Amino acid sequence: MLEAINNALLKMTWLSDFFAWALTSLGLDVSTRIGGSALFFLYDVVKIAILLVVVIFIISYIQSYFPPERTRKILGRLKGIWANIVGALLGTITPFCSCSSIPLFIGFTKAGLPIGVTFSFLISSPMVDLASLILLASVFNWSIALAYVILGLILAVVGGTLMNKMNLENEIPAFVREGALIENEETLTRRERVEYAWSQVKQIVGKVWPYVLIGVGIGALIHNWIPTEIIEAILGDGNPFSVILATVLGAPVYADIFGTLPIAEALVAKGVGVGTVVAFMMSVTVLSIPSLVMLKKVVSGKLLGIFICIVLIGIIICGYALNAFGMFLI
């Protein structure tokens, strides 16, 4: 029963059946490369569009109760690893890309929050959010979606805790650490929250849509045109360096999880291990070049290098762990 509901509401198998029927009616054989590519593209684009609008609206409505000032106050009351845990969890309800998370990182630093807490948030916010959980479940299943979220949170907490132990506060320039924050915690009406949620839908969908189209196009190419043997030789289980390669390949890409999901879907269909695919997705969302360039403006080269090394090693460990135990999640 649960699987049937998941197939209908998240995977939207009925939508795939509809497009297969429509394309067949137009004389296009969906079992061919061209027909299969058309089916993959239409189905994924429409499915992701529906999920994006619904999920972002709901998440943004919830997010309206957690403005930066309130988030900062919550984190300011906690100490030690609990602060890192809450910082990572709060990242899950702030669906920002890696670049958008950096202004909040600066705000938290100015508020005097420990460096580890701010980096736990910086890792978690672009990588893990409620929208990613639902979208991952729509492509794979709930077990893989939950594994991705749990590993992402563990990476955020462990990474932030390690950075806290290194006493790196002096690696953040004074102009970032000093200065007052404006207190403006506004109480919104229900109508204003709805308006805010719709504005976020327009803003986020408008921002990520090009990446979704590119991602779906690449996914369709991988799924229908690149031979399975080539994919398996590069990223398959037979290559012991597949996770490392996927992590390194993902780092230069600037996209978010919405744009990487179709690529991940196509790679899994080609037999690539779940851990390898997850490593690629994590690397894309956290270590994009534009976000690292922005981060370099507000931290020292040493701190940036430590952050990159911790995240890279953490992603690679997560990838190999999932490859080892991924068979139990499919």
Protein backbone atom coordinates (compact mmCIF):
# COMPACT_ATOMS: atom_id res chain seq x y z
CA MET A 1 0.00 0.00 0.00
CA LEU A 2 2.78 2.42 0.97
CA GLU A 3 4.70 1.60 -2.22
CA ALA A 4 1.58 2.24 -4.32
CA ILE A 5 1.11 5.66 -2.70
CA ASN A 6 4.80 6.47 -3.22
CA ASN A 7 4.60 5.46 -6.89
CA ALA A 8 1.49 7.58 -7.43
CA LEU A 9 2.43 10.72 -5.51
CA LEU A 10 6.22 10.92 -5.67
CA LYS A 11 7.48 8.72 -8.49
CA MET A 12 4.35 9.63 -10.53
CA THR A 13 4.50 6.43 -12.57
CA TRP A 14 1.14 7.40 -14.05
CA LEU A 15 2.86 10.43 -15.59
CA SER A 16 5.46 8.21 -17.26
CA ASP A 17 2.67 5.97 -18.57
CA PHE A 18 0.83 9.01 -19.93
CA PHE A 19 3.85 10.35 -21.82
CA ALA A 20 4.66 6.85 -23.12
CA TRP A 21 1.08 6.59 -24.45
CA ALA A 22 1.22 10.13 -25.92
CA LEU A 23 4.53 9.56 -27.69
CA THR A 24 3.39 6.17 -28.98
CA SER A 25 0.20 7.79 -30.29
CA LEU A 26 2.37 10.24 -32.19
CA GLY A 27 4.19 7.33 -33.82
CA LEU A 28 7.35 7.48 -31.70
CA ASP A 29 8.63 4.15 -30.36
CA VAL A 30 9.73 4.76 -26.74
CA SER A 31 11.92 1.65 -26.82
CA THR A 32 14.29 3.36 -29.29
CA ARG A 33 17.02 5.78 -28.25
CA ILE A 34 15.20 8.84 -29.57
CA GLY A 35 11.85 7.78 -28.16
CA GLY A 36 13.39 6.77 -24.83
CA SER A 37 15.21 10.10 -24.58
CA ALA A 38 12.00 12.01 -25.28
CA LEU A 39 10.13 9.99 -22.66
CA PHE A 40 12.89 10.46 -20.06
CA PHE A 41 13.06 14.22 -20.72
CA LEU A 42 9.30 14.92 -20.68
CA TYR A 43 8.60 12.72 -17.68
CA ASP A 44 11.43 14.05 -15.51
CA VAL A 45 10.90 17.71 -16.40
CA VAL A 46 7.18 17.67 -15.60
CA LYS A 47 7.59 15.48 -12.51
CA ILE A 48 10.33 17.68 -11.05
CA ALA A 49 8.35 20.83 -11.89
CA ILE A 50 5.29 19.57 -9.99
CA LEU A 51 7.36 18.45 -7.00
CA LEU A 52 9.38 21.66 -6.93
CA VAL A 53 6.32 23.90 -6.77
CA VAL A 54 4.53 21.84 -4.11
CA VAL A 55 7.54 21.02 -1.95
CA ILE A 56 9.17 24.47 -2.05
CA PHE A 57 5.87 26.12 -1.15
CA ILE A 58 5.43 23.87 1.89
CA ILE A 59 9.06 24.14 3.00
CA SER A 60 9.13 27.92 2.51
CA TYR A 61 5.95 28.30 4.56
CA ILE A 62 7.66 26.38 7.38
CA GLN A 63 10.84 28.39 6.86
CA SER A 64 8.92 31.63 7.42
CA TYR A 65 8.91 30.72 11.12
CA PHE A 66 12.73 30.55 11.16
CA PRO A 67 14.22 33.86 9.99
CA PRO A 68 18.01 34.26 10.37
CA GLU A 69 17.61 36.16 13.65
CA ARG A 70 15.58 33.36 15.23
CA THR A 71 17.97 30.72 13.91
CA ARG A 72 20.90 32.65 15.38
CA LYS A 73 19.18 32.93 18.77
CA ILE A 74 18.43 29.19 18.86
CA LEU A 75 22.04 28.32 18.08
CA GLY A 76 23.36 30.90 20.54
CA ARG A 77 21.76 29.09 23.47
CA LEU A 78 23.56 25.79 22.80
CA LYS A 79 27.10 24.61 23.42
CA GLY A 80 29.33 21.74 22.32
CA ILE A 81 28.25 19.00 19.95
CA TRP A 82 24.57 19.78 20.56
CA ALA A 83 25.11 23.17 18.95
CA ASN A 84 26.63 21.44 15.90
CA ILE A 85 23.72 18.99 15.74
CA VAL A 86 21.13 21.77 15.90
CA GLY A 87 23.12 23.84 13.40
CA ALA A 88 23.08 20.93 10.95
CA LEU A 89 19.38 20.29 11.56
CA LEU A 90 18.50 23.95 11.03
CA GLY A 91 20.33 23.71 7.72
CA THR A 92 17.69 21.20 6.64
CA ILE A 93 14.88 23.75 6.92
CA THR A 94 16.75 26.48 5.07
CA PRO A 95 16.77 25.33 1.43
CA PHE A 96 19.66 27.47 0.22
CA CYS A 97 22.23 26.63 -2.41
CA SER A 98 25.89 26.73 -1.40
CA CYS A 99 26.30 30.36 -2.49
CA SER A 100 23.13 31.55 -0.73
CA SER A 101 24.25 29.94 2.53
CA ILE A 102 27.37 32.09 2.79
CA PRO A 103 25.60 35.37 3.79
CA LEU A 104 24.00 33.46 6.67
CA PHE A 105 27.41 32.03 7.53
CA ILE A 106 28.69 35.61 7.80
CA GLY A 107 25.71 36.61 9.95
CA PHE A 108 26.24 33.70 12.33
CA THR A 109 29.95 34.54 12.59
CA LYS A 110 29.20 38.18 13.41
CA ALA A 111 26.81 36.97 16.12
CA GLY A 112 29.73 35.22 17.81
CA LEU A 113 28.64 31.64 17.17
CA PRO A 114 31.44 29.02 17.33
CA ILE A 115 33.15 28.38 14.02
CA GLY A 116 32.19 24.69 14.10
CA VAL A 117 28.49 25.50 14.37
CA THR A 118 28.61 27.89 11.42
CA PHE A 119 30.39 25.29 9.28
CA SER A 120 27.95 22.55 10.31
CA PHE A 121 25.23 24.84 8.95
CA LEU A 122 27.27 25.69 5.85
CA ILE A 123 27.70 21.99 5.01
CA SER A 124 24.14 20.95 5.81
CA SER A 125 22.16 23.78 4.26
CA PRO A 126 22.94 23.19 0.55
CA MET A 127 23.32 19.42 0.87
CA VAL A 128 20.37 18.34 2.98
CA ASP A 129 16.86 19.76 3.20
CA LEU A 130 13.35 18.44 3.38
CA ALA A 131 12.86 19.05 -0.33
CA SER A 132 15.85 16.85 -1.15
CA LEU A 133 14.42 14.07 1.01
CA ILE A 134 11.12 14.07 -0.88
CA LEU A 135 12.72 14.45 -4.32
CA LEU A 136 15.22 11.66 -3.64
CA ALA A 137 12.36 9.40 -2.58
CA SER A 138 10.57 10.28 -5.83
CA VAL A 139 13.56 9.10 -7.88
CA PHE A 140 14.89 6.21 -5.79
CA ASN A 141 13.13 5.08 -2.61
CA TRP A 142 12.71 6.20 0.98
CA SER A 143 15.59 4.05 2.25
CA ILE A 144 18.12 5.71 -0.06
CA ALA A 145 16.62 9.16 0.58
CA LEU A 146 16.89 8.73 4.35
CA ALA A 147 20.41 7.31 4.04
CA TYR A 148 21.46 10.39 2.04
CA VAL A 149 19.97 12.79 4.60
CA ILE A 150 21.40 10.94 7.62
CA LEU A 151 24.88 10.73 6.10
CA GLY A 152 24.71 14.41 5.12
CA LEU A 153 23.79 15.39 8.68
CA ILE A 154 26.54 13.19 10.15
CA LEU A 155 29.07 14.79 7.78
CA ALA A 156 27.89 18.27 8.79
CA VAL A 157 28.07 17.51 12.53
CA VAL A 158 31.43 15.69 12.40
CA GLY A 159 32.95 18.27 10.03
CA GLY A 160 31.84 21.19 12.21
CA THR A 161 33.01 19.46 15.40
CA LEU A 162 36.47 18.80 13.94
CA MET A 163 36.81 22.43 12.83
CA ASN A 164 35.75 23.57 16.29
CA LYS A 165 38.54 21.49 17.86
CA MET A 166 41.16 23.14 15.64
CA ASN A 167 40.69 26.66 17.10
CA LEU A 168 40.44 28.33 13.71
CA GLU A 169 38.57 31.50 14.74
CA ASN A 170 41.57 33.68 13.87
CA GLU A 171 41.42 32.39 10.29
CA ILE A 172 38.27 34.47 9.77
CA PRO A 173 39.05 38.16 9.02
CA ALA A 174 38.09 40.76 11.62
CA PHE A 175 35.64 42.49 9.26
CA VAL A 176 33.59 39.27 9.18
CA ARG A 177 33.73 38.60 12.93
CA GLU A 178 33.00 42.17 14.03
CA GLY A 179 29.99 44.42 13.55
CA ALA A 180 26.43 44.51 14.77
CA LEU A 181 23.52 42.59 13.36
CA ILE A 182 20.17 44.20 12.75
CA GLU A 183 17.45 42.75 14.97
CA ASN A 184 14.33 42.33 12.89
CA GLU A 185 12.28 39.32 13.86
CA GLU A 186 8.96 40.12 12.30
CA THR A 187 5.72 38.34 13.14
CA LEU A 188 3.97 37.48 9.89
CA THR A 189 0.29 36.86 9.32
CA ARG A 190 -0.87 33.67 7.64
CA ARG A 191 -1.52 35.57 4.40
CA GLU A 192 1.97 37.07 4.50
CA ARG A 193 3.47 33.63 5.03
CA VAL A 194 1.57 32.31 2.00
CA GLU A 195 2.78 35.27 -0.06
CA TYR A 196 6.32 34.65 1.15
CA ALA A 197 6.07 30.96 0.24
CA TRP A 198 4.85 31.77 -3.29
CA SER A 199 7.61 34.34 -3.71
CA GLN A 200 10.14 31.65 -2.75
CA VAL A 201 8.60 29.24 -5.26
CA LYS A 202 9.02 31.82 -8.03
CA GLN A 203 12.53 32.77 -6.94
CA ILE A 204 13.92 29.27 -6.38
CA VAL A 205 12.22 27.62 -9.37
CA GLY A 206 13.32 30.50 -11.59
CA LYS A 207 16.87 30.13 -10.34
CA VAL A 208 17.20 26.34 -10.55
CA TRP A 209 15.12 25.72 -13.68
CA PRO A 210 18.02 26.04 -16.17
CA TYR A 211 19.99 23.51 -14.13
CA VAL A 212 17.01 21.16 -14.05
CA LEU A 213 16.72 21.27 -17.85
CA ILE A 214 20.46 20.73 -18.25
CA GLY A 215 20.43 17.93 -15.70
CA VAL A 216 17.49 16.17 -17.33
CA GLY A 217 19.13 16.54 -20.73
CA ILE A 218 22.38 15.00 -19.45
CA GLY A 219 20.37 12.28 -17.73
CA ALA A 220 18.54 11.43 -20.94
CA LEU A 221 21.87 11.31 -22.78
CA ILE A 222 23.42 8.97 -20.20
CA HIS A 223 20.30 6.82 -19.97
CA ASN A 224 19.78 6.24 -23.68
CA TRP A 225 22.96 7.03 -25.60
CA ILE A 226 26.05 6.18 -23.55
CA PRO A 227 26.69 2.40 -23.46
CA THR A 228 26.42 0.79 -20.04
CA GLU A 229 29.89 -0.73 -20.46
CA ILE A 230 31.52 2.72 -20.61
CA ILE A 231 29.69 4.01 -17.54
CA GLU A 232 30.49 0.87 -15.55
CA ALA A 233 34.16 1.00 -16.57
CA ILE A 234 34.49 4.56 -15.23
CA LEU A 235 32.10 4.65 -12.27
CA GLY A 236 31.09 1.03 -11.77
CA ASP A 237 31.89 -1.19 -8.78
CA GLY A 238 34.76 -2.70 -10.75
CA ASN A 239 36.69 0.55 -10.45
CA PRO A 240 37.95 0.89 -6.85
CA PHE A 241 38.42 4.63 -7.38
CA SER A 242 34.87 5.27 -8.64
CA VAL A 243 33.74 7.16 -5.52
CA ILE A 244 36.86 9.34 -5.50
CA LEU A 245 36.45 10.06 -9.22
CA ALA A 246 32.75 10.94 -8.80
CA THR A 247 33.57 13.27 -5.91
CA VAL A 248 36.29 15.08 -7.86
CA LEU A 249 34.13 15.32 -11.00
CA GLY A 250 31.22 16.77 -9.03
CA ALA A 251 33.19 19.52 -7.27
CA PRO A 252 33.58 21.94 -10.24
CA VAL A 253 29.88 21.69 -11.16
CA TYR A 254 27.60 24.51 -9.98
CA ALA A 255 24.11 23.17 -9.45
CA ASP A 256 21.88 22.04 -6.65
CA ILE A 257 20.24 18.74 -5.88
CA PHE A 258 17.33 19.47 -8.24
CA GLY A 259 19.65 19.61 -11.23
CA THR A 260 21.70 16.58 -10.20
CA LEU A 261 18.80 14.21 -9.55
CA PRO A 262 18.12 13.33 -13.21
CA ILE A 263 21.83 12.61 -13.72
CA ALA A 264 21.85 10.45 -10.59
CA GLU A 265 18.75 8.60 -11.78
CA ALA A 266 20.39 7.80 -15.12
CA LEU A 267 23.66 6.68 -13.50
CA VAL A 268 21.88 4.27 -11.14
CA ALA A 269 19.93 2.87 -14.09
CA LYS A 270 23.29 2.20 -15.78
CA GLY A 271 24.46 0.14 -12.82
CA VAL A 272 26.54 2.74 -10.98
CA GLY A 273 26.66 2.12 -7.22
CA VAL A 274 24.37 4.15 -4.99
CA GLY A 275 27.34 5.37 -2.95
CA THR A 276 29.16 6.62 -6.04
CA VAL A 277 26.08 8.54 -7.17
CA VAL A 278 25.50 10.01 -3.70
CA ALA A 279 29.15 11.11 -3.52
CA PHE A 280 28.71 12.94 -6.84
CA MET A 281 25.53 14.66 -5.62
CA MET A 282 27.07 15.72 -2.30
CA SER A 283 30.16 17.10 -4.03
CA VAL A 284 28.10 19.12 -6.49
CA THR A 285 25.92 20.69 -3.79
CA VAL A 286 28.64 21.64 -1.27
CA LEU A 287 31.90 22.12 -3.17
CA SER A 288 30.87 24.13 -6.23
CA ILE A 289 33.57 26.48 -7.51
CA PRO A 290 31.44 29.68 -7.25
CA SER A 291 30.63 29.01 -3.58
CA LEU A 292 34.28 28.29 -2.76
CA VAL A 293 35.33 31.53 -4.47
CA MET A 294 32.77 33.44 -2.37
CA LEU A 295 33.88 31.65 0.80
CA LYS A 296 37.52 32.55 0.10
CA LYS A 297 36.52 36.23 0.40
CA VAL A 298 35.54 35.77 4.05
CA VAL A 299 37.98 33.11 5.35
CA SER A 300 41.71 32.49 5.07
CA GLY A 301 43.21 30.12 2.53
CA LYS A 302 44.18 27.77 5.38
CA LEU A 303 40.62 27.58 6.70
CA LEU A 304 39.23 27.10 3.20
CA GLY A 305 41.70 24.28 2.54
CA ILE A 306 40.78 22.55 5.82
CA PHE A 307 37.07 22.87 5.00
CA ILE A 308 37.55 21.39 1.51
CA CYS A 309 39.68 18.49 2.82
CA ILE A 310 37.22 17.60 5.59
CA VAL A 311 34.23 17.68 3.25
CA LEU A 312 36.03 15.75 0.48
CA ILE A 313 37.19 13.02 2.86
CA GLY A 314 33.75 12.86 4.49
CA ILE A 315 31.97 12.55 1.13
CA ILE A 316 34.34 9.81 -0.02
CA ILE A 317 33.80 7.85 3.23
CA CYS A 318 30.01 8.23 2.86
CA GLY A 319 30.22 7.04 -0.75
CA TYR A 320 32.21 3.90 0.00
CA ALA A 321 30.01 3.12 3.01
CA LEU A 322 26.87 3.34 0.89
CA ASN A 323 28.42 1.21 -1.85
CA ALA A 324 29.21 -1.43 0.75
CA PHE A 325 25.73 -1.48 2.26
CA GLY A 326 23.65 0.01 -0.57
CA MET A 327 22.31 -3.41 -1.58
CA PHE A 328 20.18 -3.38 1.57
CA LEU A 329 18.58 -0.06 0.59
CA ILE A 330 17.43 -0.90 -2.95
